[in-house]
C-alpha atoms as a PDB file:
ATOM      1  CA  MET A   1      90.188 241.202 129.908  1.00  0.00           C
ATOM      2  CA  MET A   2      91.276 238.928 126.588  1.00  0.00           C
ATOM      3  CA  LYS A   3      89.535 239.781 123.461  1.00  0.00           C
ATOM      4  CA  PRO A   4      87.990 236.848 121.428  1.00  0.00           C
ATOM      5  CA  PRO A   5      89.984 236.186 118.274  1.00  0.00           C
ATOM      6  CA  THR A   6      88.628 237.716 115.326  1.00  0.00           C
ATOM      7  CA  LEU A   7      87.969 236.053 111.847  1.00  0.00           C
ATOM      8  CA  LEU A   8      91.160 237.742 110.506  1.00  0.00           C
ATOM      9  CA  ASN A   9      93.304 236.385 113.144  1.00  0.00           C
ATOM     10  CA  LEU A  10      92.089 232.844 112.847  1.00  0.00           C
ATOM     11  CA  CYS A  11      92.780 233.026 109.061  1.00  0.00           C
ATOM     12  CA  ASP A  12      96.182 234.003 109.851  1.00  0.00           C
ATOM     13  CA  SER A  13      96.849 231.040 112.191  1.00  0.00           C
ATOM     14  CA  PHE A  14      95.424 228.646 109.946  1.00  0.00           C
ATOM     15  CA  GLN A  15      97.778 229.958 107.177  1.00  0.00           C
ATOM     16  CA  ALA A  16     100.712 229.543 109.222  1.00  0.00           C
ATOM     17  CA  LEU A  17      99.830 226.050 110.085  1.00  0.00           C
ATOM     18  CA  LEU A  18      99.525 225.048 106.421  1.00  0.00           C
ATOM     19  CA  SER A  19     102.930 226.331 105.858  1.00  0.00           C
ATOM     20  CA  PHE A  20     104.461 224.467 108.689  1.00  0.00           C
ATOM     21  CA  GLU A  21     102.938 221.234 107.447  1.00  0.00           C
ATOM     22  CA  VAL A  22     104.217 221.951 103.720  1.00  0.00           C
ATOM     23  CA  ILE A  23     107.639 222.334 105.179  1.00  0.00           C
ATOM     24  CA  LEU A  24     107.475 219.168 107.006  1.00  0.00           C
ATOM     25  CA  ARG A  25     106.112 217.124 103.837  1.00  0.00           C
ATOM     26  CA  LYS A  26     109.057 218.615 101.857  1.00  0.00           C
ATOM     27  CA  THR A  27     111.717 217.576 104.182  1.00  0.00           C
ATOM     28  CA  GLY A  28     110.292 214.529 105.535  1.00  0.00           C
ATOM     29  CA  SER A  29     112.278 212.291 103.546  1.00  0.00           C
ATOM     30  CA  GLN A  30     115.319 213.765 104.917  1.00  0.00           C
ATOM     31  CA  THR A  31     114.477 214.181 108.453  1.00  0.00           C
ATOM     32  CA  GLU A  32     114.707 211.324 110.907  1.00  0.00           C
ATOM     33  CA  TRP A  33     113.537 211.383 114.524  1.00  0.00           C
ATOM     34  CA  ASP A  34     115.958 209.555 117.289  1.00  0.00           C
ATOM     35  CA  SER A  35     114.828 207.888 120.558  1.00  0.00           C
ATOM     36  CA  SER A  36     114.269 211.165 122.213  1.00  0.00           C
ATOM     37  CA  SER A  37     111.930 212.545 119.683  1.00  0.00           C
ATOM     38  CA  ARG A  38     114.454 215.151 118.467  1.00  0.00           C
ATOM     39  CA  ALA A  39     114.571 215.950 114.539  1.00  0.00           C
ATOM     40  CA  SER A  40     118.008 214.946 113.030  1.00  0.00           C
ATOM     41  CA  SER A  41     118.961 215.647 109.535  1.00  0.00           C
ATOM     42  CA  GLU A  42     122.264 213.392 109.585  1.00  0.00           C
ATOM     43  CA  SER A  43     122.085 210.376 107.232  1.00  0.00           C
ATOM     44  CA  PRO A  44     122.337 207.004 109.149  1.00  0.00           C
ATOM     45  CA  SER A  45     125.967 205.614 109.729  1.00  0.00           C
ATOM     46  CA  PRO A  46     126.839 202.633 107.545  1.00  0.00           C
ATOM     47  CA  PRO A  47     126.544 198.981 109.189  1.00  0.00           C
ATOM     48  CA  LEU A  48     129.832 197.599 110.586  1.00  0.00           C
ATOM     49  CA  THR A  49     131.389 194.666 108.909  1.00  0.00           C
ATOM     50  CA  VAL A  50     132.816 191.911 111.040  1.00  0.00           C
ATOM     51  CA  PHE A  51     134.997 189.252 109.531  1.00  0.00           C
ATOM     52  CA  ALA A  52     135.461 185.898 111.334  1.00  0.00           C
ATOM     53  CA  ASP A  53     139.276 185.038 112.141  1.00  0.00           C
ATOM     54  CA  ARG A  54     139.987 182.913 109.081  1.00  0.00           C
ATOM     55  CA  PHE A  55     142.624 182.423 106.358  1.00  0.00           C
ATOM     56  CA  LEU A  56     141.976 185.210 103.678  1.00  0.00           C
ATOM     57  CA  PRO A  57     141.370 183.683 100.276  1.00  0.00           C
ATOM     58  CA  GLU A  58     144.483 183.422  98.162  1.00  0.00           C
ATOM     59  CA  ALA A  59     145.303 185.471  95.059  1.00  0.00           C
ATOM     60  CA  PRO A  60     144.529 183.503  91.830  1.00  0.00           C
ATOM     61  CA  GLY A  61     147.368 181.201  91.026  1.00  0.00           C
ATOM     62  CA  GLU A  62     148.802 181.293  94.588  1.00  0.00           C
ATOM     63  CA  GLY A  63     146.735 178.220  95.779  1.00  0.00           C
ATOM     64  CA  PRO A  64     147.969 174.549  95.881  1.00  0.00           C
ATOM     65  CA  SER A  65     147.486 173.112  92.212  1.00  0.00           C
ATOM     66  CA  SER A  66     148.272 170.214  90.170  1.00  0.00           C
ATOM     67  CA  THR A  67     151.278 171.905  88.961  1.00  0.00           C
ATOM     68  CA  ALA A  68     152.762 173.038  92.427  1.00  0.00           C
ATOM     69  CA  PRO A  69     156.062 171.142  93.314  1.00  0.00           C
ATOM     70  CA  TRP A  70     156.152 168.640  96.053  1.00  0.00           C
ATOM     71  CA  TYR A  71     158.227 169.180  99.255  1.00  0.00           C
ATOM     72  CA  VAL A  72     158.877 167.087 102.146  1.00  0.00           C
ATOM     73  CA  VAL A  73     158.150 168.266 105.777  1.00  0.00           C
ATOM     74  CA  GLN A  74     160.045 166.854 108.774  1.00  0.00           C
ATOM     75  CA  THR A  75     157.731 166.334 111.791  1.00  0.00           C
ATOM     76  CA  ARG A  76     158.183 165.505 115.432  1.00  0.00           C
ATOM     77  CA  TYR A  77     158.353 161.711 116.617  1.00  0.00           C
ATOM     78  CA  ARG A  78     154.598 160.095 115.964  1.00  0.00           C
ATOM     79  CA  PHE A  79     153.384 163.486 114.910  1.00  0.00           C
ATOM     80  CA  GLU A  80     152.829 162.631 111.269  1.00  0.00           C
ATOM     81  CA  SER A  81     149.268 161.921 111.162  1.00  0.00           C
ATOM     82  CA  ARG A  82     148.474 165.058 113.446  1.00  0.00           C
ATOM     83  CA  VAL A  83     150.392 167.163 111.104  1.00  0.00           C
ATOM     84  CA  ALA A  84     148.917 165.895 108.177  1.00  0.00           C
ATOM     85  CA  SER A  85     145.493 166.631 109.434  1.00  0.00           C
ATOM     86  CA  GLN A  86     146.146 170.136 110.676  1.00  0.00           C
ATOM     87  CA  LEU A  87     147.722 171.021 107.115  1.00  0.00           C
ATOM     88  CA  GLN A  88     144.645 169.683 105.160  1.00  0.00           C
ATOM     89  CA  GLY A  89     142.381 171.973 107.581  1.00  0.00           C
ATOM     90  CA  LYS A  90     144.715 174.622 106.334  1.00  0.00           C
ATOM     91  CA  GLY A  91     144.192 174.088 102.707  1.00  0.00           C
ATOM     92  CA  VAL A  92     147.484 172.276 101.983  1.00  0.00           C
ATOM     93  CA  GLN A  93     147.607 169.392  99.832  1.00  0.00           C
ATOM     94  CA  VAL A  94     149.090 166.391 101.883  1.00  0.00           C
ATOM     95  CA  PHE A  95     150.366 162.977 101.002  1.00  0.00           C
ATOM     96  CA  LEU A  96     151.133 160.580 104.001  1.00  0.00           C
ATOM     97  CA  PRO A  97     152.090 157.378 102.701  1.00  0.00           C
ATOM     98  CA  LEU A  98     150.775 154.647 105.106  1.00  0.00           C
ATOM     99  CA  LEU A  99     151.992 150.966 105.450  1.00  0.00           C
ATOM    100  CA  ASN A 100     149.865 148.350 107.020  1.00  0.00           C
ATOM    101  CA  GLU A 101     151.383 146.112 109.602  1.00  0.00           C
ATOM    102  CA  THR A 102     149.869 143.164 111.762  1.00  0.00           C
ATOM    103  CA  HIS A 103     150.609 143.321 115.385  1.00  0.00           C
ATOM    104  CA  ARG A 104     150.292 140.131 117.274  1.00  0.00           C
ATOM    105  CA  TRP A 105     149.723 139.580 120.947  1.00  0.00           C
ATOM    106  CA  SER A 106     149.466 136.331 122.945  1.00  0.00           C
ATOM    107  CA  ASP A 107     145.443 136.701 122.842  1.00  0.00           C
ATOM    108  CA  ARG A 108     144.761 138.554 119.644  1.00  0.00           C
ATOM    109  CA  GLN A 109     146.369 140.355 116.546  1.00  0.00           C
ATOM    110  CA  LYS A 110     145.609 143.983 115.004  1.00  0.00           C
ATOM    111  CA  ILE A 111     146.319 145.514 111.670  1.00  0.00           C
ATOM    112  CA  VAL A 112     148.047 149.104 112.372  1.00  0.00           C
ATOM    113  CA  SER A 113     148.488 151.487 109.718  1.00  0.00           C
ATOM    114  CA  LEU A 114     151.882 153.127 110.101  1.00  0.00           C
ATOM    115  CA  PRO A 115     153.685 155.851 108.231  1.00  0.00           C
ATOM    116  CA  LEU A 116     155.852 154.531 105.638  1.00  0.00           C
ATOM    117  CA  PHE A 117     158.540 157.075 106.318  1.00  0.00           C
ATOM    118  CA  SER A 118     158.639 157.681 109.771  1.00  0.00           C
ATOM    119  CA  GLY A 119     158.952 161.485 110.605  1.00  0.00           C
ATOM    120  CA  TYR A 120     158.015 162.705 107.096  1.00  0.00           C
ATOM    121  CA  VAL A 121     154.943 164.109 105.424  1.00  0.00           C
ATOM    122  CA  PHE A 122     154.720 165.232 101.680  1.00  0.00           C
ATOM    123  CA  VAL A 123     153.083 168.573 100.843  1.00  0.00           C
ATOM    124  CA  ARG A 124     152.057 170.304  97.528  1.00  0.00           C
ATOM    125  CA  LEU A 125     152.326 174.087  97.457  1.00  0.00           C
ATOM    126  CA  GLN A 126     153.453 176.945  95.677  1.00  0.00           C
ATOM    127  CA  PRO A 127     156.932 178.119  96.556  1.00  0.00           C
ATOM    128  CA  SER A 128     155.686 181.303  98.200  1.00  0.00           C
ATOM    129  CA  THR A 129     156.332 182.829 101.488  1.00  0.00           C
ATOM    130  CA  PRO A 130     152.810 182.686 102.964  1.00  0.00           C
ATOM    131  CA  TRP A 131     152.214 179.147 101.826  1.00  0.00           C
ATOM    132  CA  ARG A 132     155.461 178.178 103.790  1.00  0.00           C
ATOM    133  CA  THR A 133     154.723 180.459 106.631  1.00  0.00           C
ATOM    134  CA  ARG A 134     151.290 178.357 106.809  1.00  0.00           C
ATOM    135  CA  VAL A 135     153.219 175.072 106.922  1.00  0.00           C
ATOM    136  CA  LEU A 136     155.843 176.110 109.610  1.00  0.00           C
ATOM    137  CA  ARG A 137     153.313 177.327 112.006  1.00  0.00           C
ATOM    138  CA  THR A 138     151.905 173.953 112.343  1.00  0.00           C
ATOM    139  CA  GLU A 139     152.148 172.050 115.668  1.00  0.00           C
ATOM    140  CA  GLY A 140     154.623 169.326 115.226  1.00  0.00           C
ATOM    141  CA  VAL A 141     156.300 170.376 111.975  1.00  0.00           C
ATOM    142  CA  MET A 142     160.101 170.823 112.514  1.00  0.00           C
ATOM    143  CA  GLY A 143     160.692 172.245 109.000  1.00  0.00           C
ATOM    144  CA  PHE A 144     161.141 171.705 105.414  1.00  0.00           C
ATOM    145  CA  VAL A 145     163.859 169.213 104.267  1.00  0.00           C
ATOM    146  CA  GLN A 146     166.606 171.154 102.656  1.00  0.00           C
ATOM    147  CA  VAL A 147     169.159 170.855  99.991  1.00  0.00           C
ATOM    148  CA  ASN A 148     171.913 173.648 100.289  1.00  0.00           C
ATOM    149  CA  GLY A 149     169.901 175.609 102.473  1.00  0.00           C
ATOM    150  CA  ASP A 150     166.597 175.644 100.561  1.00  0.00           C
ATOM    151  CA  ALA A 151     163.573 173.334 100.577  1.00  0.00           C
ATOM    152  CA  SER A 152     164.204 170.781  97.821  1.00  0.00           C
ATOM    153  CA  PRO A 153     161.157 169.911  95.581  1.00  0.00           C
ATOM    154  CA  ILE A 154     160.477 166.166  94.767  1.00  0.00           C
ATOM    155  CA  PRO A 155     159.702 165.008  91.260  1.00  0.00           C
ATOM    156  CA  ALA A 156     156.145 164.544  91.030  1.00  0.00           C
ATOM    157  CA  ARG A 157     156.787 161.224  89.097  1.00  0.00           C
ATOM    158  CA  GLN A 158     158.081 159.772  92.410  1.00  0.00           C
ATOM    159  CA  ILE A 159     155.034 160.686  94.321  1.00  0.00           C
ATOM    160  CA  ASP A 160     152.850 159.356  91.516  1.00  0.00           C
ATOM    161  CA  ASP A 161     154.634 156.123  91.483  1.00  0.00           C
ATOM    162  CA  LEU A 162     154.671 155.844  95.415  1.00  0.00           C
ATOM    163  CA  ARG A 163     150.918 156.331  95.452  1.00  0.00           C
ATOM    164  CA  ARG A 164     150.135 154.008  92.500  1.00  0.00           C
ATOM    165  CA  MET A 165     152.201 151.280  94.280  1.00  0.00           C
ATOM    166  CA  LEU A 166     150.317 151.779  97.671  1.00  0.00           C
ATOM    167  CA  THR A 167     146.786 151.959  96.007  1.00  0.00           C
ATOM    168  CA  GLN A 168     147.246 148.406  94.467  1.00  0.00           C
ATOM    169  CA  LYS A 169     148.108 147.256  97.905  1.00  0.00           C
ATOM    170  CA  LEU A 170     150.892 145.170  96.929  1.00  0.00           C
ATOM    171  CA  PRO A 171     153.275 143.770  99.477  1.00  0.00           C
ATOM    172  CA  CYS A 172     155.990 146.198 100.142  1.00  0.00           C
ATOM    173  CA  VAL A 173     158.631 146.969 102.488  1.00  0.00           C
ATOM    174  CA  LEU A 174     161.029 149.433 103.459  1.00  0.00           C
ATOM    175  CA  HIS A 175     164.577 148.873 101.865  1.00  0.00           C
ATOM    176  CA  PRO A 176     168.056 150.002 102.497  1.00  0.00           C
ATOM    177  CA  PHE A 177     168.463 153.270 100.473  1.00  0.00           C
ATOM    178  CA  LEU A 178     169.396 152.474  97.170  1.00  0.00           C
ATOM    179  CA  ARG A 179     170.673 155.278  94.649  1.00  0.00           C
ATOM    180  CA  VAL A 180     172.610 153.474  91.747  1.00  0.00           C
ATOM    181  CA  GLY A 181     171.606 150.392  89.889  1.00  0.00           C
ATOM    182  CA  GLN A 182     169.726 149.353  86.945  1.00  0.00           C
ATOM    183  CA  ARG A 183     166.737 151.727  86.197  1.00  0.00           C
ATOM    184  CA  VAL A 184     163.746 149.721  84.914  1.00  0.00           C
ATOM    185  CA  ARG A 185     159.969 150.405  83.897  1.00  0.00           C
ATOM    186  CA  ILE A 186     157.353 148.073  84.357  1.00  0.00           C
ATOM    187  CA  ARG A 187     155.423 147.235  81.074  1.00  0.00           C
ATOM    188  CA  GLY A 188     151.694 146.033  81.489  1.00  0.00           C
ATOM    189  CA  GLY A 189     149.566 145.147  84.326  1.00  0.00           C
ATOM    190  CA  CYS A 190     148.351 147.383  87.440  1.00  0.00           C
ATOM    191  CA  LEU A 191     151.950 148.921  87.671  1.00  0.00           C
ATOM    192  CA  ASP A 192     152.243 149.934  84.095  1.00  0.00           C
ATOM    193  CA  GLY A 193     154.931 152.652  83.693  1.00  0.00           C
ATOM    194  CA  LEU A 194     156.169 152.439  87.388  1.00  0.00           C
ATOM    195  CA  GLU A 195     159.796 153.046  87.358  1.00  0.00           C
ATOM    196  CA  GLY A 196     162.472 152.329  90.136  1.00  0.00           C
ATOM    197  CA  ILE A 197     165.929 150.466  90.632  1.00  0.00           C
ATOM    198  CA  LEU A 198     165.883 146.719  89.868  1.00  0.00           C
ATOM    199  CA  ALA A 199     167.108 144.610  92.815  1.00  0.00           C
ATOM    200  CA  GLN A 200     167.310 141.176  92.765  1.00  0.00           C
ATOM    201  CA  SER A 201     168.154 138.608  95.711  1.00  0.00           C
ATOM    202  CA  THR A 202     165.799 135.739  96.390  1.00  0.00           C
ATOM    203  CA  GLN A 203     163.220 137.485  94.193  1.00  0.00           C
ATOM    204  CA  LYS A 204     162.831 140.077  91.886  1.00  0.00           C
ATOM    205  CA  THR A 205     161.932 143.663  93.503  1.00  0.00           C
ATOM    206  CA  LEU A 206     161.589 147.125  92.427  1.00  0.00           C
ATOM    207  CA  VAL A 207     162.996 149.824  94.495  1.00  0.00           C
ATOM    208  CA  ILE A 208     161.622 153.441  94.667  1.00  0.00           C
ATOM    209  CA  SER A 209     163.974 155.841  96.213  1.00  0.00           C
ATOM    210  CA  MET A 210     163.404 158.956  97.805  1.00  0.00           C
ATOM    211  CA  GLU A 211     166.956 160.856  97.539  1.00  0.00           C
ATOM    212  CA  CYS A 212     166.098 163.894  99.599  1.00  0.00           C
ATOM    213  CA  ILE A 213     165.352 161.930 102.730  1.00  0.00           C
ATOM    214  CA  GLN A 214     167.620 158.969 102.049  1.00  0.00           C
ATOM    215  CA  ARG A 215     164.716 156.292 102.110  1.00  0.00           C
ATOM    216  CA  SER A 216     163.610 153.523  99.777  1.00  0.00           C
ATOM    217  CA  VAL A 217     160.779 151.091  99.522  1.00  0.00           C
ATOM    218  CA  ALA A 218     160.837 147.954  97.548  1.00  0.00           C
ATOM    219  CA  VAL A 219     157.659 146.156  95.939  1.00  0.00           C
ATOM    220  CA  THR A 220     157.862 142.404  94.513  1.00  0.00           C
ATOM    221  CA  ILE A 221     157.428 142.574  90.907  1.00  0.00           C
ATOM    222  CA  GLU A 222     157.710 138.741  89.911  1.00  0.00           C
ATOM    223  CA  GLY A 223     155.930 138.211  86.785  1.00  0.00           C
ATOM    224  CA  TYR A 224     155.979 141.805  85.440  1.00  0.00           C
ATOM    225  CA  GLU A 225     157.777 142.476  82.159  1.00  0.00           C
ATOM    226  CA  LEU A 226     160.414 145.070  82.424  1.00  0.00           C
ATOM    227  CA  GLU A 227     162.318 147.332  80.154  1.00  0.00           C
ATOM    228  CA  PRO A 228     165.125 149.846  80.510  1.00  0.00           C
ATOM    229  CA  ALA A 229     163.875 153.177  81.988  1.00  0.00           C
END
């Protein structure tokens, strides 16, 4: 027959209970309970970081800038606009000169924008392997226009002059490639400072030539004052 607990036994049990509670309180900040209600002293693992599939940011000074050179990219037939759009999505600065033409049918007519230089797109980027690879891995790109086995940069002045001429919406046409002749510069007016080769037939025209692709475009300059360039 069990004896009833004495007062001394009750005091010892109560003291043990208090000691256990103190131990839990001291270690409670370092003790966690898992889903199975088991004590664990291990610290929680750090959260995983997941990055989306995207281009990594370029290091300072490696991205396209106003000081980077221009290059010419050759594209597949009728892929100029598609290539330009894809390259812009990749962060590449692109210039695709367009020429408006009026197409007439028996019952209607429509103004269509066509690439000025069929099969070519101009890009501005740093001459580094990552940027060139980004361009070459674009659908429709055949490669960079090269001179002596290397991509040939284009003088920024030629791109600026061509862009200014197209922005003014002046009538211009493709011209047989012209390399030599009297170089002149326009003085005054909306084309002030524009340089090219003077060509005179029935009317005075200014020819801007892109030597790397052997293409030229001409704009009528009747009434403009000229000076030697």
